[in-house]
Amino acid sequence: ATAGGEATAEAAPAEEGSAVPDDFGFGASGPSSD
């Protein structure tokens, strides 16, 4: 509500933020980008 239209613009990064980072734990992401 506060950010207004920025929420839509930031939605894509938020979705990416929910993904597992490439440098997490067991090495680079595989074909499943997990």
Full PDB file with SEQRES, HELIX, SHEET, SSBOND, CRYST1, ORIGX, SCALE, CONECT and MASTER records, all heavy atoms in Angstrom:
SEQRES   1 A   34  ALA THR ALA GLY GLY GLU ALA THR ALA GLU ALA ALA PRO          
SEQRES   2 A   34  ALA GLU GLU GLY SER ALA VAL PRO ASP ASP PHE GLY PHE          
SEQRES   3 A   34  GLY ALA SER GLY PRO SER SER ASP                              
HELIX    1 AA1 GLU A    6  SER A   18  1                                  13    
CRYST1    1.000    1.000    1.000  90.00  90.00  90.00 P 1           1          
ORIGX1      1.000000  0.000000  0.000000        0.00000                         
ORIGX2      0.000000  1.000000  0.000000        0.00000                         
ORIGX3      0.000000  0.000000  1.000000        0.00000                         
SCALE1      1.000000  0.000000  0.000000        0.00000                         
SCALE2      0.000000  1.000000  0.000000        0.00000                         
SCALE3      0.000000  0.000000  1.000000        0.00000                         
ATOM      1  N   ALA A   1       0.812  -1.207   0.000  1.00  0.00           N  
ATOM      2  CA  ALA A   1       0.000   0.000   0.000  1.00  0.00           C  
ATOM      3  C   ALA A   1       0.842   1.252   0.000  1.00  0.00           C  
ATOM      4  O   ALA A   1       0.494   2.269  -0.598  1.00  0.00           O  
ATOM      5  CB  ALA A   1      -0.949  -0.007   1.204  1.00  0.00           C  
ATOM      6  N   THR A   2       1.901   1.287   0.705  1.00  0.00           N  
ATOM      7  CA  THR A   2       2.752   2.468   0.821  1.00  0.00           C  
ATOM      8  C   THR A   2       3.517   2.699  -0.457  1.00  0.00           C  
ATOM      9  O   THR A   2       3.651   3.827  -0.931  1.00  0.00           O  
ATOM     10  CB  THR A   2       3.730   2.303   1.984  1.00  0.00           C  
ATOM     11  OG1 THR A   2       3.016   2.036   3.179  1.00  0.00           O  
ATOM     12  CG2 THR A   2       4.592   3.533   2.133  1.00  0.00           C  
ATOM     13  N   ALA A   3       3.976   1.686  -1.014  1.00  0.00           N  
ATOM     14  CA  ALA A   3       4.841   1.848  -2.184  1.00  0.00           C  
ATOM     15  C   ALA A   3       4.035   2.081  -3.446  1.00  0.00           C  
ATOM     16  O   ALA A   3       4.552   2.598  -4.426  1.00  0.00           O  
ATOM     17  CB  ALA A   3       5.739   0.632  -2.360  1.00  0.00           C  
ATOM     18  N   GLY A   4       2.764   1.715  -3.465  1.00  0.00           N  
ATOM     19  CA  GLY A   4       1.912   1.940  -4.633  1.00  0.00           C  
ATOM     20  C   GLY A   4       2.376   1.139  -5.807  1.00  0.00           C  
ATOM     21  O   GLY A   4       2.556  -0.058  -5.738  1.00  0.00           O  
ATOM     22  N   GLY A   5       2.605   1.898  -6.846  1.00  0.00           N  
ATOM     23  CA  GLY A   5       2.954   1.249  -8.094  1.00  0.00           C  
ATOM     24  C   GLY A   5       4.301   0.578  -8.070  1.00  0.00           C  
ATOM     25  O   GLY A   5       4.630  -0.224  -8.915  1.00  0.00           O  
ATOM     26  N   GLU A   6       5.119   0.972  -7.048  1.00  0.00           N  
ATOM     27  CA  GLU A   6       6.450   0.362  -6.988  1.00  0.00           C  
ATOM     28  C   GLU A   6       6.370  -1.123  -6.636  1.00  0.00           C  
ATOM     29  O   GLU A   6       7.297  -1.875  -6.895  1.00  0.00           O  
ATOM     30  CB  GLU A   6       7.310   1.072  -5.944  1.00  0.00           C  
ATOM     31  CG  GLU A   6       7.608   2.522  -6.340  1.00  0.00           C  
ATOM     32  CD  GLU A   6       8.448   3.224  -5.279  1.00  0.00           C  
ATOM     33  OE1 GLU A   6       8.759   2.554  -4.246  1.00  0.00           O  
ATOM     34  OE2 GLU A   6       8.809   4.370  -5.462  1.00  0.00           O  
ATOM     35  N   ALA A   7       5.228  -1.508  -6.028  1.00  0.00           N  
ATOM     36  CA  ALA A   7       5.091  -2.906  -5.623  1.00  0.00           C  
ATOM     37  C   ALA A   7       5.138  -3.806  -6.831  1.00  0.00           C  
ATOM     38  O   ALA A   7       5.701  -4.900  -6.789  1.00  0.00           O  
ATOM     39  CB  ALA A   7       3.791  -3.118  -4.853  1.00  0.00           C  
ATOM     40  N   THR A   8       4.530  -3.262  -7.939  1.00  0.00           N  
ATOM     41  CA  THR A   8       4.524  -4.088  -9.139  1.00  0.00           C  
ATOM     42  C   THR A   8       5.910  -4.217  -9.716  1.00  0.00           C  
ATOM     43  O   THR A   8       6.344  -5.290 -10.144  1.00  0.00           O  
ATOM     44  CB  THR A   8       3.578  -3.484 -10.202  1.00  0.00           C  
ATOM     45  OG1 THR A   8       2.284  -3.377  -9.645  1.00  0.00           O  
ATOM     46  CG2 THR A   8       3.565  -4.357 -11.450  1.00  0.00           C  
ATOM     47  N   ALA A   9       6.619  -3.044  -9.674  1.00  0.00           N  
ATOM     48  CA  ALA A   9       7.976  -3.055 -10.218  1.00  0.00           C  
ATOM     49  C   ALA A   9       8.902  -3.938  -9.402  1.00  0.00           C  
ATOM     50  O   ALA A   9       9.847  -4.527  -9.915  1.00  0.00           O  
ATOM     51  CB  ALA A   9       8.523  -1.627 -10.296  1.00  0.00           C  
ATOM     52  N   GLU A  10       8.627  -3.990  -8.077  1.00  0.00           N  
ATOM     53  CA  GLU A  10       9.513  -4.763  -7.210  1.00  0.00           C  
ATOM     54  C   GLU A  10       9.072  -6.219  -7.091  1.00  0.00           C  
ATOM     55  O   GLU A  10       9.712  -7.021  -6.437  1.00  0.00           O  
ATOM     56  CB  GLU A  10       9.539  -4.147  -5.804  1.00  0.00           C  
ATOM     57  CG  GLU A  10      10.213  -2.782  -5.792  1.00  0.00           C  
ATOM     58  CD  GLU A  10      10.165  -2.152  -4.403  1.00  0.00           C  
ATOM     59  OE1 GLU A  10       9.545  -2.772  -3.502  1.00  0.00           O  
ATOM     60  OE2 GLU A  10      10.760  -1.090  -4.216  1.00  0.00           O  
ATOM     61  N   ALA A  11       7.948  -6.541  -7.735  1.00  0.00           N  
ATOM     62  CA  ALA A  11       7.436  -7.909  -7.593  1.00  0.00           C  
ATOM     63  C   ALA A  11       8.392  -8.915  -8.192  1.00  0.00           C  
ATOM     64  O   ALA A  11       8.649  -9.974  -7.631  1.00  0.00           O  
ATOM     65  CB  ALA A  11       6.061  -8.024  -8.270  1.00  0.00           C  
ATOM     66  N   ALA A  12       8.940  -8.546  -9.350  1.00  0.00           N  
ATOM     67  CA  ALA A  12       9.855  -9.490  -9.992  1.00  0.00           C  
ATOM     68  C   ALA A  12      11.078  -9.764  -9.151  1.00  0.00           C  
ATOM     69  O   ALA A  12      11.448 -10.907  -8.920  1.00  0.00           O  
ATOM     70  CB  ALA A  12      10.226  -8.983 -11.383  1.00  0.00           C  
ATOM     71  N   PRO A  13      11.716  -8.657  -8.587  1.00  0.00           N  
ATOM     72  CA  PRO A  13      12.871  -8.934  -7.709  1.00  0.00           C  
ATOM     73  C   PRO A  13      12.469  -9.727  -6.498  1.00  0.00           C  
ATOM     74  O   PRO A  13      13.238 -10.537  -5.986  1.00  0.00           O  
ATOM     75  CB  PRO A  13      13.372  -7.558  -7.324  1.00  0.00           C  
ATOM     76  CG  PRO A  13      12.924  -6.685  -8.457  1.00  0.00           C  
ATOM     77  CD  PRO A  13      11.594  -7.233  -8.896  1.00  0.00           C  
ATOM     78  N   ALA A  14      11.230  -9.477  -5.981  1.00  0.00           N  
ATOM     79  CA  ALA A  14      10.818 -10.222  -4.793  1.00  0.00           C  
ATOM     80  C   ALA A  14      10.741 -11.696  -5.097  1.00  0.00           C  
ATOM     81  O   ALA A  14      11.101 -12.542  -4.282  1.00  0.00           O  
ATOM     82  CB  ALA A  14       9.469  -9.695  -4.301  1.00  0.00           C  
ATOM     83  N   GLU A  15      10.206 -11.978  -6.314  1.00  0.00           N  
ATOM     84  CA  GLU A  15      10.126 -13.392  -6.664  1.00  0.00           C  
ATOM     85  C   GLU A  15      11.502 -14.003  -6.774  1.00  0.00           C  
ATOM     86  O   GLU A  15      11.753 -15.124  -6.360  1.00  0.00           O  
ATOM     87  CB  GLU A  15       9.363 -13.554  -7.982  1.00  0.00           C  
ATOM     88  CG  GLU A  15       7.884 -13.224  -7.842  1.00  0.00           C  
ATOM     89  CD  GLU A  15       7.176 -13.354  -9.176  1.00  0.00           C  
ATOM     90  OE1 GLU A  15       7.869 -13.680 -10.170  1.00  0.00           O  
ATOM     91  OE2 GLU A  15       5.957 -13.164  -9.220  1.00  0.00           O  
ATOM     92  N   GLU A  16      12.437 -13.210  -7.350  1.00  0.00           N  
ATOM     93  CA  GLU A  16      13.788 -13.717  -7.444  1.00  0.00           C  
ATOM     94  C   GLU A  16      14.414 -13.889  -6.073  1.00  0.00           C  
ATOM     95  O   GLU A  16      15.233 -14.758  -5.844  1.00  0.00           O  
ATOM     96  CB  GLU A  16      14.637 -12.771  -8.293  1.00  0.00           C  
ATOM     97  CG  GLU A  16      14.191 -12.744  -9.752  1.00  0.00           C  
ATOM     98  CD  GLU A  16      15.041 -11.790 -10.579  1.00  0.00           C  
ATOM     99  OE1 GLU A  16      15.938 -11.161  -9.980  1.00  0.00           O  
ATOM    100  OE2 GLU A  16      14.805 -11.652 -11.788  1.00  0.00           O  
ATOM    101  N   GLY A  17      13.985 -12.980  -5.140  1.00  0.00           N  
ATOM    102  CA  GLY A  17      14.533 -13.081  -3.783  1.00  0.00           C  
ATOM    103  C   GLY A  17      14.096 -14.340  -3.098  1.00  0.00           C  
ATOM    104  O   GLY A  17      14.757 -14.815  -2.185  1.00  0.00           O  
ATOM    105  N   SER A  18      12.955 -14.900  -3.509  1.00  0.00           N  
ATOM    106  CA  SER A  18      12.491 -16.133  -2.868  1.00  0.00           C  
ATOM    107  C   SER A  18      13.215 -17.359  -3.387  1.00  0.00           C  
ATOM    108  O   SER A  18      13.122 -18.415  -2.821  1.00  0.00           O  
ATOM    109  CB  SER A  18      10.974 -16.296  -3.094  1.00  0.00           C  
ATOM    110  OG  SER A  18      10.738 -16.501  -4.476  1.00  0.00           O  
ATOM    111  N   ALA A  19      13.911 -17.178  -4.506  1.00  0.00           N  
ATOM    112  CA  ALA A  19      14.681 -18.311  -5.042  1.00  0.00           C  
ATOM    113  C   ALA A  19      15.959 -18.498  -4.245  1.00  0.00           C  
ATOM    114  O   ALA A  19      16.418 -17.598  -3.570  1.00  0.00           O  
ATOM    115  CB  ALA A  19      14.992 -18.045  -6.522  1.00  0.00           C  
ATOM    116  N   VAL A  20      16.532 -19.671  -4.369  1.00  0.00           N  
ATOM    117  CA  VAL A  20      17.784 -19.968  -3.636  1.00  0.00           C  
ATOM    118  C   VAL A  20      18.928 -19.310  -4.347  1.00  0.00           C  
ATOM    119  O   VAL A  20      19.063 -19.412  -5.564  1.00  0.00           O  
ATOM    120  CB  VAL A  20      18.018 -21.484  -3.582  1.00  0.00           C  
ATOM    121  CG1 VAL A  20      19.320 -21.803  -2.849  1.00  0.00           C  
ATOM    122  CG2 VAL A  20      16.866 -22.168  -2.894  1.00  0.00           C  
ATOM    123  N   PRO A  21      19.842 -18.591  -3.656  1.00  0.00           N  
ATOM    124  CA  PRO A  21      20.973 -17.922  -4.321  1.00  0.00           C  
ATOM    125  C   PRO A  21      21.882 -18.947  -4.972  1.00  0.00           C  
ATOM    126  O   PRO A  21      21.979 -20.087  -4.546  1.00  0.00           O  
ATOM    127  CB  PRO A  21      21.691 -17.195  -3.195  1.00  0.00           C  
ATOM    128  CG  PRO A  21      20.870 -17.370  -1.969  1.00  0.00           C  
ATOM    129  CD  PRO A  21      19.796 -18.347  -2.233  1.00  0.00           C  
ATOM    130  N   ASP A  22      22.624 -18.453  -6.000  1.00  0.00           N  
ATOM    131  CA  ASP A  22      23.519 -19.345  -6.729  1.00  0.00           C  
ATOM    132  C   ASP A  22      24.654 -19.853  -5.866  1.00  0.00           C  
ATOM    133  O   ASP A  22      25.171 -20.945  -6.094  1.00  0.00           O  
ATOM    134  CB  ASP A  22      24.092 -18.618  -7.963  1.00  0.00           C  
ATOM    135  CG  ASP A  22      23.017 -18.424  -9.012  1.00  0.00           C  
ATOM    136  OD1 ASP A  22      21.972 -19.113  -8.910  1.00  0.00           O  
ATOM    137  OD2 ASP A  22      23.232 -17.611  -9.911  1.00  0.00           O  
ATOM    138  N   ASP A  23      25.077 -19.075  -4.886  1.00  0.00           N  
ATOM    139  CA  ASP A  23      26.234 -19.502  -4.076  1.00  0.00           C  
ATOM    140  C   ASP A  23      25.805 -20.194  -2.795  1.00  0.00           C  
ATOM    141  O   ASP A  23      26.577 -20.304  -1.859  1.00  0.00           O  
ATOM    142  CB  ASP A  23      27.114 -18.296  -3.746  1.00  0.00           C  
ATOM    143  CG  ASP A  23      26.349 -17.218  -2.995  1.00  0.00           C  
ATOM    144  OD1 ASP A  23      25.105 -17.374  -2.839  1.00  0.00           O  
ATOM    145  OD2 ASP A  23      26.995 -16.242  -2.560  1.00  0.00           O  
ATOM    146  N   PHE A  24      24.553 -20.690  -2.695  1.00  0.00           N  
ATOM    147  CA  PHE A  24      24.100 -21.337  -1.467  1.00  0.00           C  
ATOM    148  C   PHE A  24      24.658 -22.747  -1.367  1.00  0.00           C  
ATOM    149  O   PHE A  24      24.573 -23.510  -2.314  1.00  0.00           O  
ATOM    150  CB  PHE A  24      22.564 -21.374  -1.445  1.00  0.00           C  
ATOM    151  CG  PHE A  24      22.040 -22.063  -0.201  1.00  0.00           C  
ATOM    152  CD1 PHE A  24      21.949 -21.378   1.014  1.00  0.00           C  
ATOM    153  CD2 PHE A  24      21.683 -23.394  -0.229  1.00  0.00           C  
ATOM    154  CE1 PHE A  24      21.472 -22.021   2.138  1.00  0.00           C  
ATOM    155  CE2 PHE A  24      21.212 -24.030   0.907  1.00  0.00           C  
ATOM    156  CZ  PHE A  24      21.097 -23.333   2.096  1.00  0.00           C  
ATOM    157  N   GLY A  25      25.151 -22.994  -0.211  1.00  0.00           N  
ATOM    158  CA  GLY A  25      25.462 -24.359   0.268  1.00  0.00           C  
ATOM    159  C   GLY A  25      26.209 -25.256  -0.662  1.00  0.00           C  
ATOM    160  O   GLY A  25      27.414 -25.383  -0.563  1.00  0.00           O  
ATOM    161  N   PHE A  26      25.565 -25.909  -1.606  1.00  0.00           N  
ATOM    162  CA  PHE A  26      26.122 -27.066  -2.294  1.00  0.00           C  
ATOM    163  C   PHE A  26      26.664 -26.738  -3.672  1.00  0.00           C  
ATOM    164  O   PHE A  26      26.859 -27.607  -4.488  1.00  0.00           O  
ATOM    165  CB  PHE A  26      25.040 -28.158  -2.436  1.00  0.00           C  
ATOM    166  CG  PHE A  26      24.621 -28.689  -1.104  1.00  0.00           C  
ATOM    167  CD1 PHE A  26      23.545 -28.100  -0.448  1.00  0.00           C  
ATOM    168  CD2 PHE A  26      25.298 -29.715  -0.491  1.00  0.00           C  
ATOM    169  CE1 PHE A  26      23.160 -28.577   0.775  1.00  0.00           C  
ATOM    170  CE2 PHE A  26      24.899 -30.187   0.732  1.00  0.00           C  
ATOM    171  CZ  PHE A  26      23.829 -29.619   1.387  1.00  0.00           C  
ATOM    172  N   GLY A  27      26.838 -25.384  -4.028  1.00  0.00           N  
ATOM    173  CA  GLY A  27      27.441 -25.051  -5.312  1.00  0.00           C  
ATOM    174  C   GLY A  27      26.481 -24.307  -6.206  1.00  0.00           C  
ATOM    175  O   GLY A  27      25.392 -23.928  -5.811  1.00  0.00           O  
ATOM    176  N   ALA A  28      26.904 -24.108  -7.481  1.00  0.00           N  
ATOM    177  CA  ALA A  28      26.101 -23.327  -8.427  1.00  0.00           C  
ATOM    178  C   ALA A  28      24.795 -24.032  -8.729  1.00  0.00           C  
ATOM    179  O   ALA A  28      24.679 -25.233  -8.603  1.00  0.00           O  
ATOM    180  CB  ALA A  28      26.889 -23.118  -9.720  1.00  0.00           C  
ATOM    181  N   SER A  29      23.781 -23.177  -9.134  1.00  0.00           N  
ATOM    182  CA  SER A  29      22.469 -23.733  -9.434  1.00  0.00           C  
ATOM    183  C   SER A  29      22.552 -24.634 -10.641  1.00  0.00           C  
ATOM    184  O   SER A  29      23.284 -24.369 -11.590  1.00  0.00           O  
ATOM    185  CB  SER A  29      21.467 -22.633  -9.730  1.00  0.00           C  
ATOM    186  OG  SER A  29      21.305 -21.825  -8.583  1.00  0.00           O  
ATOM    187  N   GLY A  30      21.737 -25.655 -10.598  1.00  0.00           N  
ATOM    188  CA  GLY A  30      21.648 -26.574 -11.716  1.00  0.00           C  
ATOM    189  C   GLY A  30      20.594 -26.151 -12.688  1.00  0.00           C  
ATOM    190  O   GLY A  30      20.104 -25.024 -12.642  1.00  0.00           O  
ATOM    191  N   PRO A  31      20.210 -26.991 -13.584  1.00  0.00           N  
ATOM    192  CA  PRO A  31      19.194 -26.661 -14.587  1.00  0.00           C  
ATOM    193  C   PRO A  31      17.864 -26.268 -13.990  1.00  0.00           C  
ATOM    194  O   PRO A  31      17.125 -25.530 -14.575  1.00  0.00           O  
ATOM    195  CB  PRO A  31      19.074 -27.961 -15.397  1.00  0.00           C  
ATOM    196  CG  PRO A  31      20.368 -28.693 -15.160  1.00  0.00           C  
ATOM    197  CD  PRO A  31      20.783 -28.331 -13.786  1.00  0.00           C  
ATOM    198  N   SER A  32      17.560 -26.707 -12.750  1.00  0.00           N  
ATOM    199  CA  SER A  32      16.288 -26.372 -12.138  1.00  0.00           C  
ATOM    200  C   SER A  32      16.309 -25.063 -11.433  1.00  0.00           C  
ATOM    201  O   SER A  32      15.338 -24.647 -10.833  1.00  0.00           O  
ATOM    202  CB  SER A  32      15.903 -27.487 -11.154  1.00  0.00           C  
ATOM    203  OG  SER A  32      16.890 -27.573 -10.129  1.00  0.00           O  
ATOM    204  N   SER A  33      17.482 -24.337 -11.440  1.00  0.00           N  
ATOM    205  CA  SER A  33      17.647 -23.030 -10.781  1.00  0.00           C  
ATOM    206  C   SER A  33      17.251 -23.070  -9.333  1.00  0.00           C  
ATOM    207  O   SER A  33      16.733 -22.117  -8.792  1.00  0.00           O  
ATOM    208  CB  SER A  33      16.784 -21.958 -11.531  1.00  0.00           C  
ATOM    209  OG  SER A  33      17.215 -21.850 -12.849  1.00  0.00           O  
ATOM    210  N   ASP A  34      17.495 -24.241  -8.653  1.00  0.00           N  
ATOM    211  CA  ASP A  34      17.139 -24.297  -7.240  1.00  0.00           C  
ATOM    212  C   ASP A  34      18.316 -24.002  -6.351  1.00  0.00           C  
ATOM    213  O   ASP A  34      18.229 -24.056  -5.142  1.00  0.00           O  
ATOM    214  CB  ASP A  34      16.543 -25.671  -6.896  1.00  0.00           C  
ATOM    215  CG  ASP A  34      17.476 -26.795  -7.301  1.00  0.00           C  
ATOM    216  OD1 ASP A  34      18.638 -26.507  -7.678  1.00  0.00           O  
ATOM    217  OD2 ASP A  34      17.051 -27.983  -7.250  1.00  0.00           O  
TER     218      ASP A  34                                                      
MASTER        0    0    0    1    0    0    0    6  217    1    0    3          
END                                                                             
